[in-house]
N, C-alpha and C. Protein backbone atom coordinates (compact mmCIF):
# COMPACT_ATOMS: atom_id res chain seq x y z
N MET A 1 5.17 -66.71 -74.87
CA MET A 1 3.96 -66.93 -74.11
C MET A 1 2.76 -66.49 -74.95
N THR A 2 1.79 -67.37 -75.08
CA THR A 2 0.61 -67.03 -75.85
C THR A 2 -0.35 -66.24 -74.99
N ALA A 3 -1.36 -65.68 -75.64
CA ALA A 3 -2.33 -64.85 -74.92
C ALA A 3 -3.12 -65.64 -73.89
N THR A 4 -3.25 -66.97 -74.09
CA THR A 4 -4.03 -67.79 -73.17
C THR A 4 -3.19 -68.42 -72.06
N SER A 5 -1.87 -68.34 -72.15
CA SER A 5 -1.04 -69.00 -71.13
C SER A 5 -0.86 -68.11 -69.91
N GLN A 6 -0.71 -68.77 -68.79
CA GLN A 6 -0.48 -68.10 -67.51
C GLN A 6 0.95 -68.39 -67.09
N LYS A 7 1.60 -67.43 -66.44
CA LYS A 7 2.97 -67.62 -65.97
C LYS A 7 2.94 -68.13 -64.53
N VAL A 8 3.71 -69.20 -64.27
CA VAL A 8 3.79 -69.81 -62.95
C VAL A 8 5.25 -69.94 -62.56
N VAL A 9 5.60 -69.51 -61.33
CA VAL A 9 6.94 -69.71 -60.79
C VAL A 9 6.85 -70.85 -59.78
N ILE A 10 7.71 -71.85 -59.95
CA ILE A 10 7.76 -72.99 -59.05
C ILE A 10 9.08 -72.95 -58.30
N VAL A 11 9.02 -72.95 -56.96
CA VAL A 11 10.21 -72.91 -56.12
C VAL A 11 10.33 -74.23 -55.40
N ASN A 12 11.37 -75.02 -55.76
CA ASN A 12 11.61 -76.31 -55.13
C ASN A 12 13.06 -76.69 -55.37
N GLY A 13 13.75 -77.18 -54.36
CA GLY A 13 15.15 -77.54 -54.48
C GLY A 13 15.40 -78.90 -55.09
N ASN A 14 14.37 -79.66 -55.37
CA ASN A 14 14.50 -81.01 -55.91
C ASN A 14 14.27 -80.96 -57.41
N ALA A 15 15.31 -81.26 -58.19
CA ALA A 15 15.22 -81.18 -59.65
C ALA A 15 14.17 -82.15 -60.19
N ASP A 16 14.00 -83.32 -59.56
CA ASP A 16 12.99 -84.29 -60.03
C ASP A 16 11.59 -83.73 -59.87
N VAL A 17 11.32 -83.08 -58.74
CA VAL A 17 10.00 -82.49 -58.51
C VAL A 17 9.76 -81.36 -59.49
N LEU A 18 10.77 -80.52 -59.70
CA LEU A 18 10.64 -79.42 -60.66
C LEU A 18 10.33 -79.94 -62.05
N SER A 19 11.02 -81.00 -62.46
CA SER A 19 10.81 -81.57 -63.78
C SER A 19 9.39 -82.12 -63.91
N LEU A 20 8.92 -82.80 -62.89
CA LEU A 20 7.56 -83.37 -62.92
C LEU A 20 6.51 -82.27 -63.02
N VAL A 21 6.61 -81.26 -62.15
CA VAL A 21 5.63 -80.18 -62.16
C VAL A 21 5.71 -79.39 -63.46
N ASP A 22 6.91 -79.18 -63.97
CA ASP A 22 7.09 -78.48 -65.24
C ASP A 22 6.39 -79.23 -66.37
N THR A 23 6.54 -80.55 -66.40
CA THR A 23 5.90 -81.36 -67.43
C THR A 23 4.39 -81.24 -67.37
N VAL A 24 3.84 -81.31 -66.17
CA VAL A 24 2.39 -81.22 -66.01
C VAL A 24 1.87 -79.85 -66.42
N LEU A 25 2.53 -78.80 -65.95
CA LEU A 25 2.08 -77.44 -66.27
C LEU A 25 2.30 -77.10 -67.74
N ASP A 26 3.40 -77.60 -68.31
CA ASP A 26 3.66 -77.34 -69.72
C ASP A 26 2.57 -77.94 -70.59
N ALA A 27 2.08 -79.11 -70.21
CA ALA A 27 0.99 -79.76 -70.95
C ALA A 27 -0.28 -78.90 -70.89
N GLY A 28 -0.43 -78.12 -69.84
CA GLY A 28 -1.58 -77.23 -69.71
C GLY A 28 -1.34 -75.86 -70.29
N HIS A 29 -0.24 -75.71 -71.02
CA HIS A 29 0.11 -74.47 -71.71
C HIS A 29 0.40 -73.32 -70.75
N TYR A 30 1.04 -73.65 -69.64
CA TYR A 30 1.50 -72.61 -68.71
C TYR A 30 2.93 -72.24 -69.05
N ASP A 31 3.28 -71.00 -68.85
CA ASP A 31 4.65 -70.54 -69.00
C ASP A 31 5.29 -70.71 -67.63
N VAL A 32 6.22 -71.67 -67.52
CA VAL A 32 6.77 -72.06 -66.22
C VAL A 32 8.17 -71.52 -66.02
N VAL A 33 8.41 -70.93 -64.84
CA VAL A 33 9.74 -70.49 -64.42
C VAL A 33 10.12 -71.36 -63.23
N LEU A 34 11.24 -72.11 -63.36
CA LEU A 34 11.68 -73.01 -62.29
C LEU A 34 12.77 -72.33 -61.47
N VAL A 35 12.63 -72.40 -60.15
CA VAL A 35 13.61 -71.82 -59.24
C VAL A 35 14.02 -72.90 -58.25
N GLU A 36 15.31 -73.25 -58.23
CA GLU A 36 15.78 -74.34 -57.37
C GLU A 36 16.25 -73.88 -56.00
N SER A 37 16.33 -72.60 -55.75
CA SER A 37 16.85 -72.11 -54.48
C SER A 37 15.96 -70.99 -53.94
N SER A 38 15.67 -71.05 -52.66
CA SER A 38 14.86 -69.99 -52.08
C SER A 38 15.61 -68.67 -52.02
N PHE A 39 16.95 -68.73 -52.12
CA PHE A 39 17.73 -67.50 -52.12
C PHE A 39 17.43 -66.65 -53.36
N HIS A 40 17.01 -67.29 -54.44
CA HIS A 40 16.70 -66.57 -55.68
C HIS A 40 15.21 -66.43 -55.91
N ALA A 41 14.41 -67.04 -55.06
CA ALA A 41 12.96 -67.08 -55.29
C ALA A 41 12.34 -65.69 -55.33
N TYR A 42 12.64 -64.87 -54.34
CA TYR A 42 12.03 -63.54 -54.26
C TYR A 42 12.36 -62.71 -55.50
N SER A 43 13.63 -62.68 -55.87
CA SER A 43 14.03 -61.85 -57.02
C SER A 43 13.44 -62.40 -58.32
N GLN A 44 13.35 -63.72 -58.45
CA GLN A 44 12.77 -64.31 -59.66
C GLN A 44 11.28 -63.98 -59.77
N VAL A 45 10.56 -64.07 -58.64
CA VAL A 45 9.13 -63.75 -58.66
C VAL A 45 8.93 -62.28 -58.97
N LYS A 46 9.73 -61.43 -58.35
CA LYS A 46 9.60 -59.99 -58.58
C LYS A 46 9.84 -59.65 -60.05
N ARG A 47 10.84 -60.29 -60.65
CA ARG A 47 11.17 -60.03 -62.05
C ARG A 47 10.12 -60.62 -62.99
N ALA A 48 9.65 -61.85 -62.71
CA ALA A 48 8.73 -62.53 -63.62
C ALA A 48 7.29 -62.04 -63.52
N GLN A 49 6.89 -61.54 -62.34
CA GLN A 49 5.51 -61.11 -62.11
C GLN A 49 4.52 -62.18 -62.60
N PRO A 50 4.60 -63.39 -62.02
CA PRO A 50 3.74 -64.49 -62.49
C PRO A 50 2.30 -64.34 -62.04
N ASN A 51 1.45 -65.20 -62.58
CA ASN A 51 0.06 -65.27 -62.16
C ASN A 51 -0.09 -66.12 -60.90
N LEU A 52 0.91 -66.97 -60.62
CA LEU A 52 0.87 -67.87 -59.49
C LEU A 52 2.29 -68.27 -59.10
N VAL A 53 2.51 -68.44 -57.78
CA VAL A 53 3.77 -68.97 -57.26
C VAL A 53 3.43 -70.27 -56.54
N ILE A 54 4.20 -71.32 -56.83
CA ILE A 54 4.07 -72.59 -56.13
C ILE A 54 5.35 -72.75 -55.33
N LEU A 55 5.25 -72.70 -54.00
CA LEU A 55 6.41 -72.61 -53.10
C LEU A 55 6.48 -73.82 -52.19
N CYS A 56 7.57 -74.59 -52.30
CA CYS A 56 7.80 -75.72 -51.40
C CYS A 56 8.29 -75.20 -50.05
N LEU A 57 7.68 -75.69 -48.97
CA LEU A 57 8.07 -75.23 -47.63
C LEU A 57 9.33 -75.93 -47.12
N ARG A 58 9.75 -77.01 -47.77
CA ARG A 58 10.95 -77.73 -47.35
C ARG A 58 12.06 -77.50 -48.35
N ILE A 59 12.56 -76.28 -48.41
CA ILE A 59 13.59 -75.94 -49.38
C ILE A 59 14.78 -75.30 -48.67
N ASP A 60 15.94 -75.64 -49.07
CA ASP A 60 17.25 -75.26 -48.52
C ASP A 60 17.22 -74.47 -47.21
N SER A 61 18.27 -73.76 -46.91
CA SER A 61 18.43 -73.19 -45.57
C SER A 61 17.58 -71.95 -45.29
N LEU A 62 17.21 -71.20 -46.31
CA LEU A 62 16.36 -70.03 -46.09
C LEU A 62 14.93 -70.52 -45.91
N ASP A 63 14.33 -70.15 -44.84
CA ASP A 63 12.98 -70.58 -44.54
C ASP A 63 12.01 -70.09 -45.61
N ALA A 64 11.21 -70.99 -46.15
CA ALA A 64 10.26 -70.62 -47.18
C ALA A 64 9.25 -69.59 -46.67
N PHE A 65 8.99 -69.60 -45.37
CA PHE A 65 8.09 -68.60 -44.82
C PHE A 65 8.69 -67.20 -44.91
N GLN A 66 10.02 -67.10 -44.90
CA GLN A 66 10.67 -65.80 -45.11
C GLN A 66 10.41 -65.32 -46.54
N VAL A 67 10.52 -66.24 -47.50
CA VAL A 67 10.25 -65.89 -48.89
C VAL A 67 8.79 -65.44 -49.02
N LEU A 68 7.88 -66.19 -48.42
CA LEU A 68 6.47 -65.84 -48.47
C LEU A 68 6.23 -64.47 -47.84
N SER A 69 6.85 -64.20 -46.70
CA SER A 69 6.70 -62.90 -46.04
C SER A 69 7.21 -61.77 -46.92
N MET A 70 8.38 -61.98 -47.54
CA MET A 70 8.94 -60.95 -48.41
C MET A 70 8.00 -60.66 -49.58
N LEU A 71 7.43 -61.71 -50.15
CA LEU A 71 6.51 -61.53 -51.27
C LEU A 71 5.26 -60.77 -50.85
N LYS A 72 4.72 -61.10 -49.68
CA LYS A 72 3.48 -60.47 -49.23
C LYS A 72 3.68 -59.07 -48.68
N LEU A 73 4.90 -58.71 -48.29
CA LEU A 73 5.17 -57.36 -47.80
C LEU A 73 5.51 -56.38 -48.92
N ASP A 74 5.88 -56.90 -50.07
CA ASP A 74 6.28 -56.06 -51.20
C ASP A 74 5.03 -55.68 -52.01
N PRO A 75 4.78 -54.37 -52.19
CA PRO A 75 3.61 -53.95 -52.97
C PRO A 75 3.60 -54.49 -54.40
N ASP A 76 4.77 -54.78 -54.96
CA ASP A 76 4.85 -55.28 -56.33
C ASP A 76 4.48 -56.76 -56.45
N THR A 77 4.53 -57.50 -55.34
CA THR A 77 4.28 -58.95 -55.40
C THR A 77 3.18 -59.42 -54.45
N ARG A 78 2.66 -58.56 -53.61
CA ARG A 78 1.71 -58.99 -52.57
C ARG A 78 0.42 -59.57 -53.11
N ASP A 79 0.01 -59.18 -54.30
CA ASP A 79 -1.26 -59.66 -54.85
C ASP A 79 -1.12 -60.94 -55.67
N ILE A 80 0.11 -61.45 -55.80
CA ILE A 80 0.33 -62.70 -56.53
C ILE A 80 -0.06 -63.86 -55.62
N PRO A 81 -0.98 -64.73 -56.06
CA PRO A 81 -1.35 -65.88 -55.23
C PRO A 81 -0.16 -66.83 -55.05
N VAL A 82 -0.03 -67.38 -53.84
CA VAL A 82 1.05 -68.31 -53.54
C VAL A 82 0.43 -69.59 -52.98
N VAL A 83 0.76 -70.72 -53.62
CA VAL A 83 0.35 -72.03 -53.12
C VAL A 83 1.57 -72.64 -52.45
N THR A 84 1.44 -73.03 -51.20
CA THR A 84 2.54 -73.66 -50.49
C THR A 84 2.26 -75.14 -50.34
N TYR A 85 3.32 -75.93 -50.34
CA TYR A 85 3.19 -77.37 -50.16
C TYR A 85 4.48 -77.91 -49.59
N THR A 86 4.46 -79.16 -49.21
CA THR A 86 5.67 -79.82 -48.76
C THR A 86 5.71 -81.20 -49.37
N THR A 87 6.91 -81.66 -49.69
CA THR A 87 7.06 -82.99 -50.24
C THR A 87 7.25 -83.97 -49.10
N GLY A 88 7.10 -85.24 -49.38
CA GLY A 88 7.31 -86.29 -48.38
C GLY A 88 8.77 -86.40 -48.02
N CYS A 89 9.07 -87.32 -47.15
CA CYS A 89 10.46 -87.52 -46.71
C CYS A 89 11.29 -88.07 -47.86
N ASP A 90 12.60 -87.99 -47.72
CA ASP A 90 13.50 -88.46 -48.77
C ASP A 90 13.75 -89.96 -48.70
N GLY A 91 13.14 -90.64 -47.74
CA GLY A 91 13.27 -92.09 -47.64
C GLY A 91 14.31 -92.54 -46.65
N SER A 92 15.25 -91.68 -46.24
CA SER A 92 16.32 -92.11 -45.36
C SER A 92 15.82 -92.43 -43.96
N ASP A 93 14.86 -91.68 -43.47
CA ASP A 93 14.31 -91.91 -42.14
C ASP A 93 12.82 -92.21 -42.20
N ALA A 94 12.40 -92.90 -43.26
CA ALA A 94 10.98 -93.11 -43.49
C ALA A 94 10.31 -93.85 -42.34
N GLU A 95 10.95 -94.88 -41.81
CA GLU A 95 10.35 -95.65 -40.72
C GLU A 95 10.19 -94.79 -39.48
N GLU A 96 11.22 -94.00 -39.15
CA GLU A 96 11.16 -93.12 -37.98
C GLU A 96 10.06 -92.07 -38.15
N GLU A 97 9.94 -91.50 -39.35
CA GLU A 97 8.90 -90.49 -39.58
C GLU A 97 7.51 -91.09 -39.51
N GLU A 98 7.34 -92.35 -39.99
CA GLU A 98 6.04 -93.00 -39.90
C GLU A 98 5.64 -93.18 -38.45
N MET A 99 6.60 -93.52 -37.58
CA MET A 99 6.30 -93.70 -36.17
C MET A 99 5.92 -92.36 -35.54
N GLU A 100 6.61 -91.29 -35.95
CA GLU A 100 6.28 -89.98 -35.41
C GLU A 100 4.87 -89.57 -35.80
N LEU A 101 4.45 -89.92 -37.02
CA LEU A 101 3.11 -89.59 -37.47
C LEU A 101 2.04 -90.29 -36.65
N ALA A 102 2.36 -91.46 -36.12
CA ALA A 102 1.38 -92.23 -35.36
C ALA A 102 1.24 -91.76 -33.92
N GLU A 103 2.13 -90.92 -33.45
CA GLU A 103 2.07 -90.46 -32.07
C GLU A 103 0.86 -89.58 -31.86
N PRO A 104 0.12 -89.76 -30.74
CA PRO A 104 -1.13 -89.04 -30.52
C PRO A 104 -0.98 -87.53 -30.41
N GLU A 105 0.16 -87.02 -29.93
CA GLU A 105 0.27 -85.58 -29.75
C GLU A 105 0.27 -84.84 -31.08
N MET A 106 0.49 -85.54 -32.17
CA MET A 106 0.45 -84.89 -33.48
C MET A 106 -0.97 -84.42 -33.80
N PHE A 107 -1.94 -85.08 -33.23
CA PHE A 107 -3.32 -84.79 -33.56
C PHE A 107 -4.00 -83.87 -32.55
N THR A 108 -3.22 -83.26 -31.66
CA THR A 108 -3.81 -82.32 -30.72
C THR A 108 -4.03 -80.98 -31.40
N ALA A 109 -5.01 -80.25 -30.94
CA ALA A 109 -5.32 -78.95 -31.53
C ALA A 109 -4.20 -77.97 -31.26
N LYS A 110 -3.89 -77.17 -32.25
CA LYS A 110 -2.87 -76.14 -32.10
C LYS A 110 -3.49 -74.80 -32.47
N ALA A 111 -2.92 -73.75 -31.93
CA ALA A 111 -3.42 -72.40 -32.20
C ALA A 111 -3.25 -72.06 -33.68
N ALA A 112 -4.21 -71.42 -34.26
CA ALA A 112 -4.15 -71.03 -35.68
C ALA A 112 -3.18 -69.87 -35.84
N VAL A 113 -2.51 -69.84 -36.97
CA VAL A 113 -1.59 -68.76 -37.30
C VAL A 113 -2.23 -67.97 -38.43
N SER A 114 -2.26 -66.67 -38.28
CA SER A 114 -2.88 -65.81 -39.27
C SER A 114 -1.84 -64.90 -39.89
N MET A 115 -1.87 -64.80 -41.23
CA MET A 115 -0.97 -63.87 -41.95
C MET A 115 -1.81 -62.84 -42.67
N ASN A 116 -1.45 -61.62 -42.56
CA ASN A 116 -2.16 -60.55 -43.30
C ASN A 116 -1.42 -60.22 -44.55
């Protein structure tokens, strides 16, 4: 890692997404750590002490919000910025998901959730 590079941990269970994001960040001279399982995400972040974590919310059976909570509760990792995102559907139920998106109740106001 050079003096100008930043370390980024990417947590996503899809190898194609990891490869794409790795390629983009590598071109920007980032030191990238790829994590394919949320079960290893917390320990990898704690060990790597990155400048940024990019966390997919749709990853295997452990809820990504649990990983986020663990990171924010730990004094060693709480100050590391975390960007969360979700990928689109896998295509198997694309038509059904498109119909769900068009339903009016999706656009109703919901109570805000606050994390400290």
